[in-house]
Amino acid sequence: MLTAAEEETSCWLESMDRLRAQDLPVRVQHALIGKMADHVDLLIRSDVVSRIHARIDQTEEGYDLTDLNSLNGTYLNGDRLQPNESRPIRDGDRIAFATLEYRFRCRCAGAAP
């Protein structure tokens, strides 16, 4: 769980299954997501997640989600992103890395619905 201070000032991926995955704070402008611990910013320890699976980028308009040619897919609100496809994400969007589901949460400017 994130602290109240982290939730107030940051964006994070809220795990929809706390038995399989934890919340992931997004603390950098370009956050790599995957299971390769020494190469990613947001570590997901799961066999279904690629070593470097996806990326969340902070832009002037808000945030974008990009699939990085993952084997088991990156999904935004149920739709699978094509390899290297980027889409804008907003507070409350559902994101899945293979079968691990999260909700994008952000109290940052530009990410409100």
PDB file of N, CA and C in Angstrom:
ATOM      1  N   MET A   1       0.842  -1.191   0.000  1.00  0.00           N
ATOM      2  CA  MET A   1       0.000   0.000   0.000  1.00  0.00           C
ATOM      3  C   MET A   1       0.885   1.252   0.000  1.00  0.00           C
ATOM      4  N   LEU A   2       0.418   2.257  -0.703  1.00  0.00           N
ATOM      5  CA  LEU A   2       1.136   3.525  -0.727  1.00  0.00           C
ATOM      6  C   LEU A   2       0.776   4.339   0.507  1.00  0.00           C
ATOM      7  N   THR A   3       1.700   5.187   0.935  1.00  0.00           N
ATOM      8  CA  THR A   3       1.418   6.072   2.050  1.00  0.00           C
ATOM      9  C   THR A   3       0.497   7.195   1.576  1.00  0.00           C
ATOM     10  N   ALA A   4      -0.118   7.878   2.503  1.00  0.00           N
ATOM     11  CA  ALA A   4      -1.001   8.994   2.158  1.00  0.00           C
ATOM     12  C   ALA A   4      -0.239  10.079   1.407  1.00  0.00           C
ATOM     13  N   ALA A   5       1.006  10.336   1.796  1.00  0.00           N
ATOM     14  CA  ALA A   5       1.806  11.358   1.116  1.00  0.00           C
ATOM     15  C   ALA A   5       2.100  10.962  -0.325  1.00  0.00           C
ATOM     16  N   GLU A   6       2.430   9.668  -0.566  1.00  0.00           N
ATOM     17  CA  GLU A   6       2.690   9.210  -1.928  1.00  0.00           C
ATOM     18  C   GLU A   6       1.437   9.323  -2.790  1.00  0.00           C
ATOM     19  N   GLU A   7       0.291   8.930  -2.226  1.00  0.00           N
ATOM     20  CA  GLU A   7      -0.956   9.001  -2.984  1.00  0.00           C
ATOM     21  C   GLU A   7      -1.326  10.436  -3.323  1.00  0.00           C
ATOM     22  N   GLU A   8      -1.024  11.360  -2.435  1.00  0.00           N
ATOM     23  CA  GLU A   8      -1.404  12.762  -2.631  1.00  0.00           C
ATOM     24  C   GLU A   8      -0.590  13.426  -3.740  1.00  0.00           C
ATOM     25  N   THR A   9       0.651  13.013  -3.917  1.00  0.00           N
ATOM     26  CA  THR A   9       1.533  13.737  -4.818  1.00  0.00           C
ATOM     27  C   THR A   9       2.012  12.934  -6.017  1.00  0.00           C
ATOM     28  N   SER A  10       1.495  11.742  -6.231  1.00  0.00           N
ATOM     29  CA  SER A  10       2.070  10.927  -7.285  1.00  0.00           C
ATOM     30  C   SER A  10       1.020  10.123  -8.042  1.00  0.00           C
ATOM     31  N   CYS A  11       1.531   9.402  -9.023  1.00  0.00           N
ATOM     32  CA  CYS A  11       0.718   8.463  -9.777  1.00  0.00           C
ATOM     33  C   CYS A  11       1.185   7.060  -9.432  1.00  0.00           C
ATOM     34  N   TRP A  12       0.299   6.095  -9.564  1.00  0.00           N
ATOM     35  CA  TRP A  12       0.657   4.722  -9.265  1.00  0.00           C
ATOM     36  C   TRP A  12      -0.275   3.767  -9.992  1.00  0.00           C
ATOM     37  N   LEU A  13       0.156   2.512 -10.048  1.00  0.00           N
ATOM     38  CA  LEU A  13      -0.669   1.434 -10.570  1.00  0.00           C
ATOM     39  C   LEU A  13      -1.215   0.690  -9.368  1.00  0.00           C
ATOM     40  N   GLU A  14      -2.524   0.725  -9.209  1.00  0.00           N
ATOM     41  CA  GLU A  14      -3.190   0.091  -8.083  1.00  0.00           C
ATOM     42  C   GLU A  14      -3.523  -1.353  -8.461  1.00  0.00           C
ATOM     43  N   SER A  15      -2.950  -2.302  -7.741  1.00  0.00           N
ATOM     44  CA  SER A  15      -3.166  -3.712  -8.042  1.00  0.00           C
ATOM     45  C   SER A  15      -4.624  -4.095  -7.813  1.00  0.00           C
ATOM     46  N   MET A  16      -5.193  -4.831  -8.766  1.00  0.00           N
ATOM     47  CA  MET A  16      -6.570  -5.308  -8.641  1.00  0.00           C
ATOM     48  C   MET A  16      -6.599  -6.693  -7.985  1.00  0.00           C
ATOM     49  N   ASP A  17      -5.439  -7.296  -7.734  1.00  0.00           N
ATOM     50  CA  ASP A  17      -5.328  -8.600  -7.078  1.00  0.00           C
ATOM     51  C   ASP A  17      -4.122  -8.554  -6.145  1.00  0.00           C
ATOM     52  N   ARG A  18      -4.353  -8.112  -4.940  1.00  0.00           N
ATOM     53  CA  ARG A  18      -3.253  -7.890  -3.997  1.00  0.00           C
ATOM     54  C   ARG A  18      -2.568  -9.184  -3.556  1.00  0.00           C
ATOM     55  N   LEU A  19      -3.161 -10.337  -3.837  1.00  0.00           N
ATOM     56  CA  LEU A  19      -2.503 -11.601  -3.529  1.00  0.00           C
ATOM     57  C   LEU A  19      -1.412 -11.925  -4.545  1.00  0.00           C
ATOM     58  N   ARG A  20      -1.539 -11.403  -5.760  1.00  0.00           N
ATOM     59  CA  ARG A  20      -0.576 -11.695  -6.827  1.00  0.00           C
ATOM     60  C   ARG A  20       0.374 -10.545  -7.116  1.00  0.00           C
ATOM     61  N   ALA A  21      -0.013  -9.321  -6.793  1.00  0.00           N
ATOM     62  CA  ALA A  21       0.816  -8.163  -7.155  1.00  0.00           C
ATOM     63  C   ALA A  21       0.557  -7.012  -6.191  1.00  0.00           C
ATOM     64  N   GLN A  22       1.558  -6.169  -6.047  1.00  0.00           N
ATOM     65  CA  GLN A  22       1.437  -5.004  -5.169  1.00  0.00           C
ATOM     66  C   GLN A  22       1.243  -3.730  -5.996  1.00  0.00           C
ATOM     67  N   ASP A  23       0.844  -2.650  -5.327  1.00  0.00           N
ATOM     68  CA  ASP A  23       0.754  -1.351  -5.986  1.00  0.00           C
ATOM     69  C   ASP A  23       2.155  -0.923  -6.431  1.00  0.00           C
ATOM     70  N   LEU A  24       2.208  -0.187  -7.546  1.00  0.00           N
ATOM     71  CA  LEU A  24       3.489   0.250  -8.096  1.00  0.00           C
ATOM     72  C   LEU A  24       3.497   1.763  -8.261  1.00  0.00           C
ATOM     73  N   PRO A  25       4.288   2.489  -7.477  1.00  0.00           N
ATOM     74  CA  PRO A  25       4.350   3.942  -7.633  1.00  0.00           C
ATOM     75  C   PRO A  25       5.107   4.334  -8.901  1.00  0.00           C
ATOM     76  N   VAL A  26       4.568   5.302  -9.636  1.00  0.00           N
ATOM     77  CA  VAL A  26       5.215   5.815 -10.849  1.00  0.00           C
ATOM     78  C   VAL A  26       5.937   7.088 -10.441  1.00  0.00           C
ATOM     79  N   ARG A  27       7.258   6.982 -10.279  1.00  0.00           N
ATOM     80  CA  ARG A  27       8.026   8.104  -9.724  1.00  0.00           C
ATOM     81  C   ARG A  27       8.984   8.741 -10.712  1.00  0.00           C
ATOM     82  N   VAL A  28       9.042   8.229 -11.939  1.00  0.00           N
ATOM     83  CA  VAL A  28       9.963   8.779 -12.931  1.00  0.00           C
ATOM     84  C   VAL A  28       9.192   9.164 -14.186  1.00  0.00           C
ATOM     85  N   GLN A  29       9.774  10.021 -14.999  1.00  0.00           N
ATOM     86  CA  GLN A  29       9.093  10.512 -16.199  1.00  0.00           C
ATOM     87  C   GLN A  29       8.895   9.416 -17.239  1.00  0.00           C
ATOM     88  N   HIS A  30       9.819   8.467 -17.309  1.00  0.00           N
ATOM     89  CA  HIS A  30       9.734   7.350 -18.254  1.00  0.00           C
ATOM     90  C   HIS A  30       9.944   6.066 -17.451  1.00  0.00           C
ATOM     91  N   ALA A  31       8.874   5.396 -17.063  1.00  0.00           N
ATOM     92  CA  ALA A  31       8.942   4.228 -16.184  1.00  0.00           C
ATOM     93  C   ALA A  31       8.837   2.940 -16.984  1.00  0.00           C
ATOM     94  N   LEU A  32       9.923   2.164 -16.994  1.00  0.00           N
ATOM     95  CA  LEU A  32       9.909   0.849 -17.619  1.00  0.00           C
ATOM     96  C   LEU A  32       9.286  -0.152 -16.648  1.00  0.00           C
ATOM     97  N   ILE A  33       8.485  -1.064 -17.200  1.00  0.00           N
ATOM     98  CA  ILE A  33       7.755  -2.045 -16.408  1.00  0.00           C
ATOM     99  C   ILE A  33       8.140  -3.436 -16.885  1.00  0.00           C
ATOM    100  N   GLY A  34       8.446  -4.326 -15.954  1.00  0.00           N
ATOM    101  CA  GLY A  34       8.769  -5.700 -16.320  1.00  0.00           C
ATOM    102  C   GLY A  34       9.338  -6.463 -15.149  1.00  0.00           C
ATOM    103  N   LYS A  35       9.899  -7.652 -15.447  1.00  0.00           N
ATOM    104  CA  LYS A  35      10.418  -8.516 -14.392  1.00  0.00           C
ATOM    105  C   LYS A  35      11.948  -8.548 -14.317  1.00  0.00           C
ATOM    106  N   MET A  36      12.638  -7.794 -15.149  1.00  0.00           N
ATOM    107  CA  MET A  36      14.098  -7.754 -15.152  1.00  0.00           C
ATOM    108  C   MET A  36      14.561  -6.698 -14.153  1.00  0.00           C
ATOM    109  N   ALA A  37      14.778  -7.118 -12.932  1.00  0.00           N
ATOM    110  CA  ALA A  37      14.950  -6.222 -11.788  1.00  0.00           C
ATOM    111  C   ALA A  37      15.958  -5.099 -11.993  1.00  0.00           C
ATOM    112  N   ASP A  38      17.079  -5.368 -12.613  1.00  0.00           N
ATOM    113  CA  ASP A  38      18.102  -4.330 -12.729  1.00  0.00           C
ATOM    114  C   ASP A  38      17.939  -3.444 -13.965  1.00  0.00           C
ATOM    115  N   HIS A  39      16.824  -3.608 -14.702  1.00  0.00           N
ATOM    116  CA  HIS A  39      16.602  -2.807 -15.911  1.00  0.00           C
ATOM    117  C   HIS A  39      15.259  -2.069 -15.935  1.00  0.00           C
ATOM    118  N   VAL A  40      14.405  -2.291 -14.948  1.00  0.00           N
ATOM    119  CA  VAL A  40      13.083  -1.664 -14.950  1.00  0.00           C
ATOM    120  C   VAL A  40      12.903  -0.771 -13.729  1.00  0.00           C
ATOM    121  N   ASP A  41      11.954   0.153 -13.855  1.00  0.00           N
ATOM    122  CA  ASP A  41      11.613   1.041 -12.742  1.00  0.00           C
ATOM    123  C   ASP A  41      10.486   0.472 -11.899  1.00  0.00           C
ATOM    124  N   LEU A  42       9.567  -0.265 -12.547  1.00  0.00           N
ATOM    125  CA  LEU A  42       8.423  -0.875 -11.869  1.00  0.00           C
ATOM    126  C   LEU A  42       8.533  -2.384 -12.041  1.00  0.00           C
ATOM    127  N   LEU A  43       8.935  -3.065 -10.985  1.00  0.00           N
ATOM    128  CA  LEU A  43       9.206  -4.496 -11.020  1.00  0.00           C
ATOM    129  C   LEU A  43       7.945  -5.301 -10.737  1.00  0.00           C
ATOM    130  N   ILE A  44       7.641  -6.228 -11.653  1.00  0.00           N
ATOM    131  CA  ILE A  44       6.529  -7.167 -11.460  1.00  0.00           C
ATOM    132  C   ILE A  44       7.125  -8.567 -11.504  1.00  0.00           C
ATOM    133  N   ARG A  45       7.095  -9.252 -10.392  1.00  0.00           N
ATOM    134  CA  ARG A  45       7.665 -10.599 -10.298  1.00  0.00           C
ATOM    135  C   ARG A  45       6.609 -11.615 -10.709  1.00  0.00           C
ATOM    136  N   SER A  46       6.577 -11.918 -12.004  1.00  0.00           N
ATOM    137  CA  SER A  46       5.608 -12.867 -12.536  1.00  0.00           C
ATOM    138  C   SER A  46       6.144 -13.479 -13.818  1.00  0.00           C
ATOM    139  N   ASP A  47       5.914 -14.776 -13.987  1.00  0.00           N
ATOM    140  CA  ASP A  47       6.355 -15.465 -15.199  1.00  0.00           C
ATOM    141  C   ASP A  47       5.612 -15.003 -16.441  1.00  0.00           C
ATOM    142  N   VAL A  48       4.416 -14.428 -16.300  1.00  0.00           N
ATOM    143  CA  VAL A  48       3.629 -14.016 -17.467  1.00  0.00           C
ATOM    144  C   VAL A  48       4.030 -12.638 -17.988  1.00  0.00           C
ATOM    145  N   VAL A  49       4.849 -11.929 -17.226  1.00  0.00           N
ATOM    146  CA  VAL A  49       5.296 -10.585 -17.605  1.00  0.00           C
ATOM    147  C   VAL A  49       6.659 -10.694 -18.271  1.00  0.00           C
ATOM    148  N   SER A  50       6.857  -9.952 -19.364  1.00  0.00           N
ATOM    149  CA  SER A  50       8.132  -9.945 -20.073  1.00  0.00           C
ATOM    150  C   SER A  50       9.209  -9.242 -19.247  1.00  0.00           C
ATOM    151  N   ARG A  51      10.464  -9.512 -19.599  1.00  0.00           N
ATOM    152  CA  ARG A  51      11.575  -8.888 -18.869  1.00  0.00           C
ATOM    153  C   ARG A  51      11.450  -7.366 -18.903  1.00  0.00           C
ATOM    154  N   ILE A  52      11.221  -6.801 -20.081  1.00  0.00           N
ATOM    155  CA  ILE A  52      10.885  -5.381 -20.224  1.00  0.00           C
ATOM    156  C   ILE A  52       9.583  -5.367 -21.020  1.00  0.00           C
ATOM    157  N   HIS A  53       8.474  -5.173 -20.340  1.00  0.00           N
ATOM    158  CA  HIS A  53       7.135  -5.427 -20.862  1.00  0.00           C
ATOM    159  C   HIS A  53       6.479  -4.183 -21.476  1.00  0.00           C
ATOM    160  N   ALA A  54       6.564  -3.058 -20.756  1.00  0.00           N
ATOM    161  CA  ALA A  54       5.840  -1.850 -21.174  1.00  0.00           C
ATOM    162  C   ALA A  54       6.516  -0.629 -20.571  1.00  0.00           C
ATOM    163  N   ARG A  55       5.990   0.551 -20.929  1.00  0.00           N
ATOM    164  CA  ARG A  55       6.536   1.812 -20.413  1.00  0.00           C
ATOM    165  C   ARG A  55       5.391   2.788 -20.191  1.00  0.00           C
ATOM    166  N   ILE A  56       5.498   3.564 -19.133  1.00  0.00           N
ATOM    167  CA  ILE A  56       4.601   4.694 -18.895  1.00  0.00           C
ATOM    168  C   ILE A  56       5.438   5.959 -18.994  1.00  0.00           C
ATOM    169  N   ASP A  57       5.010   6.871 -19.875  1.00  0.00           N
ATOM    170  CA  ASP A  57       5.727   8.123 -20.088  1.00  0.00           C
ATOM    171  C   ASP A  57       4.868   9.302 -19.648  1.00  0.00           C
ATOM    172  N   GLN A  58       5.481  10.220 -18.909  1.00  0.00           N
ATOM    173  CA  GLN A  58       4.816  11.471 -18.583  1.00  0.00           C
ATOM    174  C   GLN A  58       5.044  12.419 -19.752  1.00  0.00           C
ATOM    175  N   THR A  59       3.956  13.008 -20.250  1.00  0.00           N
ATOM    176  CA  THR A  59       4.025  13.947 -21.369  1.00  0.00           C
ATOM    177  C   THR A  59       3.469  15.292 -20.917  1.00  0.00           C
ATOM    178  N   GLU A  60       3.504  16.268 -21.805  1.00  0.00           N
ATOM    179  CA  GLU A  60       2.905  17.576 -21.485  1.00  0.00           C
ATOM    180  C   GLU A  60       1.402  17.456 -21.295  1.00  0.00           C
ATOM    181  N   GLU A  61       0.767  16.501 -21.993  1.00  0.00           N
ATOM    182  CA  GLU A  61      -0.679  16.331 -21.920  1.00  0.00           C
ATOM    183  C   GLU A  61      -1.125  15.414 -20.786  1.00  0.00           C
ATOM    184  N   GLY A  62      -0.229  14.606 -20.225  1.00  0.00           N
ATOM    185  CA  GLY A  62      -0.591  13.651 -19.181  1.00  0.00           C
ATOM    186  C   GLY A  62       0.353  12.464 -19.188  1.00  0.00           C
ATOM    187  N   TYR A  63      -0.208  11.265 -19.438  1.00  0.00           N
ATOM    188  CA  TYR A  63       0.595  10.045 -19.427  1.00  0.00           C
ATOM    189  C   TYR A  63       0.226   9.166 -20.607  1.00  0.00           C
ATOM    190  N   ASP A  64       1.236   8.426 -21.108  1.00  0.00           N
ATOM    191  CA  ASP A  64       1.038   7.462 -22.189  1.00  0.00           C
ATOM    192  C   ASP A  64       1.525   6.098 -21.729  1.00  0.00           C
ATOM    193  N   LEU A  65       0.846   5.054 -22.210  1.00  0.00           N
ATOM    194  CA  LEU A  65       1.227   3.664 -21.984  1.00  0.00           C
ATOM    195  C   LEU A  65       1.689   3.082 -23.307  1.00  0.00           C
ATOM    196  N   THR A  66       2.836   2.403 -23.312  1.00  0.00           N
ATOM    197  CA  THR A  66       3.380   1.792 -24.520  1.00  0.00           C
ATOM    198  C   THR A  66       3.711   0.334 -24.247  1.00  0.00           C
ATOM    199  N   ASP A  67       3.250  -0.558 -25.129  1.00  0.00           N
ATOM    200  CA  ASP A  67       3.662  -1.953 -25.071  1.00  0.00           C
ATOM    201  C   ASP A  67       5.032  -2.052 -25.733  1.00  0.00           C
ATOM    202  N   LEU A  68       5.961  -2.760 -25.102  1.00  0.00           N
ATOM    203  CA  LEU A  68       7.314  -2.874 -25.641  1.00  0.00           C
ATOM    204  C   LEU A  68       7.538  -4.273 -26.212  1.00  0.00           C
ATOM    205  N   ASN A  69       6.627  -4.657 -27.116  1.00  0.00           N
ATOM    206  CA  ASN A  69       6.715  -5.943 -27.795  1.00  0.00           C
ATOM    207  C   ASN A  69       6.672  -7.105 -26.804  1.00  0.00           C
ATOM    208  N   SER A  70       5.784  -7.009 -25.825  1.00  0.00           N
ATOM    209  CA  SER A  70       5.658  -8.046 -24.803  1.00  0.00           C
ATOM    210  C   SER A  70       5.057  -9.318 -25.392  1.00  0.00           C
ATOM    211  N   LEU A  71       5.417 -10.447 -24.819  1.00  0.00           N
ATOM    212  CA  LEU A  71       4.922 -11.732 -25.303  1.00  0.00           C
ATOM    213  C   LEU A  71       3.432 -11.914 -25.005  1.00  0.00           C
ATOM    214  N   ASN A  72       3.010 -11.599 -23.780  1.00  0.00           N
ATOM    215  CA  ASN A  72       1.633 -11.863 -23.352  1.00  0.00           C
ATOM    216  C   ASN A  72       0.727 -10.639 -23.373  1.00  0.00           C
ATOM    217  N   GLY A  73       1.218  -9.535 -23.881  1.00  0.00           N
ATOM    218  CA  GLY A  73       0.366  -8.382 -24.130  1.00  0.00           C
ATOM    219  C   GLY A  73       0.227  -7.385 -23.004  1.00  0.00           C
ATOM    220  N   THR A  74      -0.062  -6.150 -23.420  1.00  0.00           N
ATOM    221  CA  THR A  74      -0.406  -5.039 -22.547  1.00  0.00           C
ATOM    222  C   THR A  74      -1.794  -4.592 -22.963  1.00  0.00           C
ATOM    223  N   TYR A  75      -2.678  -4.412 -21.989  1.00  0.00           N
ATOM    224  CA  TYR A  75      -4.076  -4.100 -22.261  1.00  0.00           C
ATOM    225  C   TYR A  75      -4.463  -2.791 -21.583  1.00  0.00           C
ATOM    226  N   LEU A  76      -5.231  -1.985 -22.301  1.00  0.00           N
ATOM    227  CA  LEU A  76      -5.763  -0.740 -21.761  1.00  0.00           C
ATOM    228  C   LEU A  76      -7.273  -0.803 -21.874  1.00  0.00           C
ATOM    229  N   ASN A  77      -7.943  -0.812 -20.727  1.00  0.00           N
ATOM    230  CA  ASN A  77      -9.406  -0.912 -20.667  1.00  0.00           C
ATOM    231  C   ASN A  77      -9.925  -2.080 -21.507  1.00  0.00           C
ATOM    232  N   GLY A  78      -9.203  -3.205 -21.446  1.00  0.00           N
ATOM    233  CA  GLY A  78      -9.621  -4.418 -22.128  1.00  0.00           C
ATOM    234  C   GLY A  78      -9.126  -4.583 -23.548  1.00  0.00           C
ATOM    235  N   ASP A  79      -8.567  -3.531 -24.146  1.00  0.00           N
ATOM    236  CA  ASP A  79      -8.067  -3.594 -25.520  1.00  0.00           C
ATOM    237  C   ASP A  79      -6.562  -3.836 -25.516  1.00  0.00           C
ATOM    238  N   ARG A  80      -6.123  -4.838 -26.299  1.00  0.00           N
ATOM    239  CA  ARG A  80      -4.697  -5.139 -26.369  1.00  0.00           C
ATOM    240  C   ARG A  80      -3.982  -4.114 -27.244  1.00  0.00           C
ATOM    241  N   LEU A  81      -2.889  -3.572 -26.721  1.00  0.00           N
ATOM    242  CA  LEU A  81      -2.054  -2.667 -27.501  1.00  0.00           C
ATOM    243  C   LEU A  81      -1.197  -3.490 -28.456  1.00  0.00           C
ATOM    244  N   GLN A  82      -0.989  -2.970 -29.635  1.00  0.00           N
ATOM    245  CA  GLN A  82      -0.089  -3.600 -30.597  1.00  0.00           C
ATOM    246  C   GLN A  82       1.354  -3.378 -30.129  1.00  0.00           C
ATOM    247  N   PRO A  83       2.299  -4.217 -30.565  1.00  0.00           N
ATOM    248  CA  PRO A  83       3.693  -3.996 -30.186  1.00  0.00           C
ATOM    249  C   PRO A  83       4.144  -2.574 -30.517  1.00  0.00           C
ATOM    250  N   ASN A  84       4.741  -1.926 -29.550  1.00  0.00           N
ATOM    251  CA  ASN A  84       5.260  -0.553 -29.649  1.00  0.00           C
ATOM    252  C   ASN A  84       4.173   0.507 -29.824  1.00  0.00           C
ATOM    253  N   GLU A  85       2.920   0.153 -29.641  1.00  0.00           N
ATOM    254  CA  GLU A  85       1.823   1.120 -29.708  1.00  0.00           C
ATOM    255  C   GLU A  85       1.732   1.897 -28.396  1.00  0.00           C
ATOM    256  N   SER A  86       1.507   3.212 -28.497  1.00  0.00           N
ATOM    257  CA  SER A  86       1.307   4.079 -27.341  1.00  0.00           C
ATOM    258  C   SER A  86      -0.113   4.602 -27.339  1.00  0.00           C
ATOM    259  N   ARG A  87      -0.687   4.679 -26.143  1.00  0.00           N
ATOM    260  CA  ARG A  87      -2.007   5.289 -25.978  1.00  0.00           C
ATOM    261  C   ARG A  87      -2.010   6.141 -24.711  1.00  0.00           C
ATOM    262  N   PRO A  88      -2.760   7.238 -24.735  1.00  0.00           N
ATOM    263  CA  PRO A  88      -2.873   8.050 -23.517  1.00  0.00           C
ATOM    264  C   PRO A  88      -3.637   7.284 -22.438  1.00  0.00           C
ATOM    265  N   ILE A  89      -3.226   7.486 -21.196  1.00  0.00           N
ATOM    266  CA  ILE A  89      -3.936   6.894 -20.057  1.00  0.00           C
ATOM    267  C   ILE A  89      -4.354   7.999 -19.109  1.00  0.00           C
ATOM    268  N   ARG A  90      -5.460   7.724 -18.430  1.00  0.00           N
ATOM    269  CA  ARG A  90      -6.030   8.695 -17.493  1.00  0.00           C
ATOM    270  C   ARG A  90      -6.342   8.020 -16.174  1.00  0.00           C
ATOM    271  N   ASP A  91      -6.502   8.833 -15.153  1.00  0.00           N
ATOM    272  CA  ASP A  91      -6.861   8.325 -13.837  1.00  0.00           C
ATOM    273  C   ASP A  91      -8.094   7.431 -13.945  1.00  0.00           C
ATOM    274  N   GLY A  92      -7.995   6.222 -13.409  1.00  0.00           N
ATOM    275  CA  GLY A  92      -9.109   5.282 -13.406  1.00  0.00           C
ATOM    276  C   GLY A  92      -9.061   4.242 -14.517  1.00  0.00           C
ATOM    277  N   ASP A  93      -8.183   4.424 -15.517  1.00  0.00           N
ATOM    278  CA  ASP A  93      -8.069   3.438 -16.591  1.00  0.00           C
ATOM    279  C   ASP A  93      -7.583   2.102 -16.042  1.00  0.00           C
ATOM    280  N   ARG A  94      -8.071   1.010 -16.644  1.00  0.00           N
ATOM    281  CA  ARG A  94      -7.629  -0.343 -16.308  1.00  0.00           C
ATOM    282  C   ARG A  94      -6.471  -0.718 -17.226  1.00  0.00           C
ATOM    283  N   ILE A  95      -5.397  -1.190 -16.621  1.00  0.00           N
ATOM    284  CA  ILE A  95      -4.216  -1.615 -17.362  1.00  0.00           C
ATOM    285  C   ILE A  95      -3.888  -3.033 -16.929  1.00  0.00           C
ATOM    286  N   ALA A  96      -3.604  -3.904 -17.909  1.00  0.00           N
ATOM    287  CA  ALA A  96      -3.185  -5.265 -17.587  1.00  0.00           C
ATOM    288  C   ALA A  96      -1.885  -5.571 -18.314  1.00  0.00           C
ATOM    289  N   PHE A  97      -0.975  -6.172 -17.597  1.00  0.00           N
ATOM    290  CA  PHE A  97       0.258  -6.709 -18.157  1.00  0.00           C
ATOM    291  C   PHE A  97       0.076  -8.219 -18.130  1.00  0.00           C
ATOM    292  N   ALA A  98      -0.227  -8.802 -19.297  1.00  0.00           N
ATOM    293  CA  ALA A  98      -0.636 -10.209 -19.391  1.00  0.00           C
ATOM    294  C   ALA A  98      -1.902 -10.369 -18.544  1.00  0.00           C
ATOM    295  N   THR A  99      -1.863 -11.162 -17.494  1.00  0.00           N
ATOM    296  CA  THR A  99      -3.057 -11.412 -16.668  1.00  0.00           C
ATOM    297  C   THR A  99      -3.073 -10.609 -15.373  1.00  0.00           C
ATOM    298  N   LEU A 100      -2.076  -9.766 -15.148  1.00  0.00           N
ATOM    299  CA  LEU A 100      -2.020  -8.965 -13.926  1.00  0.00           C
ATOM    300  C   LEU A 100      -2.678  -7.616 -14.175  1.00  0.00           C
ATOM    301  N   GLU A 101      -3.754  -7.356 -13.434  1.00  0.00           N
ATOM    302  CA  GLU A 101      -4.541  -6.149 -13.676  1.00  0.00           C
ATOM    303  C   GLU A 101      -4.283  -5.072 -12.633  1.00  0.00           C
ATOM    304  N   TYR A 102      -4.270  -3.842 -13.132  1.00  0.00           N
ATOM    305  CA  TYR A 102      -4.068  -2.657 -12.301  1.00  0.00           C
ATOM    306  C   TYR A 102      -5.065  -1.583 -12.717  1.00  0.00           C
ATOM    307  N   ARG A 103      -5.210  -0.589 -11.855  1.00  0.00           N
ATOM    308  CA  ARG A 103      -5.947   0.619 -12.202  1.00  0.00           C
ATOM    309  C   ARG A 103      -4.958   1.770 -12.076  1.00  0.00           C
ATOM    310  N   PHE A 104      -4.876   2.602 -13.131  1.00  0.00           N
ATOM    311  CA  PHE A 104      -3.985   3.748 -13.104  1.00  0.00           C
ATOM    312  C   PHE A 104      -4.601   4.817 -12.218  1.00  0.00           C
ATOM    313  N   ARG A 105      -3.857   5.258 -11.240  1.00  0.00           N
ATOM    314  CA  ARG A 105      -4.303   6.301 -10.318  1.00  0.00           C
ATOM    315  C   ARG A 105      -3.315   7.446 -10.368  1.00  0.00           C
ATOM    316  N   CYS A 106      -3.843   8.660 -10.456  1.00  0.00           N
ATOM    317  CA  CYS A 106      -2.960   9.808 -10.530  1.00  0.00           C
ATOM    318  C   CYS A 106      -3.631  11.041  -9.953  1.00  0.00           C
ATOM    319  N   ARG A 107      -2.899  11.715  -9.106  1.00  0.00           N
ATOM    320  CA  ARG A 107      -3.337  12.985  -8.560  1.00  0.00           C
ATOM    321  C   ARG A 107      -2.492  14.108  -9.157  1.00  0.00           C
ATOM    322  N   CYS A 108      -1.903  13.809 -10.337  1.00  0.00           N
ATOM    323  CA  CYS A 108      -1.020  14.758 -11.009  1.00  0.00           C
ATOM    324  C   CYS A 108      -1.799  15.574 -12.038  1.00  0.00           C
ATOM    325  N   ALA A 109      -1.326  16.765 -12.315  1.00  0.00           N
ATOM    326  CA  ALA A 109      -1.936  17.598 -13.338  1.00  0.00           C
ATOM    327  C   ALA A 109      -1.863  16.909 -14.680  1.00  0.00           C
ATOM    328  N   GLY A 110      -2.921  16.993 -15.452  1.00  0.00           N
ATOM    329  CA  GLY A 110      -2.949  16.428 -16.778  1.00  0.00           C
ATOM    330  C   GLY A 110      -3.443  15.009 -16.858  1.00  0.00           C
ATOM    331  N   ALA A 111      -3.679  14.356 -15.715  1.00  0.00           N
ATOM    332  CA  ALA A 111      -4.100  12.956 -15.750  1.00  0.00           C
ATOM    333  C   ALA A 111      -5.563  12.787 -15.366  1.00  0.00           C
ATOM    334  N   ALA A 112      -6.237  13.856 -15.038  1.00  0.00           N
ATOM    335  CA  ALA A 112      -7.647  13.752 -14.634  1.00  0.00           C
ATOM    336  C   ALA A 112      -8.511  13.373 -15.817  1.00  0.00           C
ATOM    337  N   PRO A 113      -9.627  12.663 -15.544  1.00  0.00           N
ATOM    338  CA  PRO A 113     -10.505  12.269 -16.651  1.00  0.00           C
ATOM    339  C   PRO A 113     -11.188  13.430 -17.321  1.00  0.00           C
TER     340      PRO A 113
END
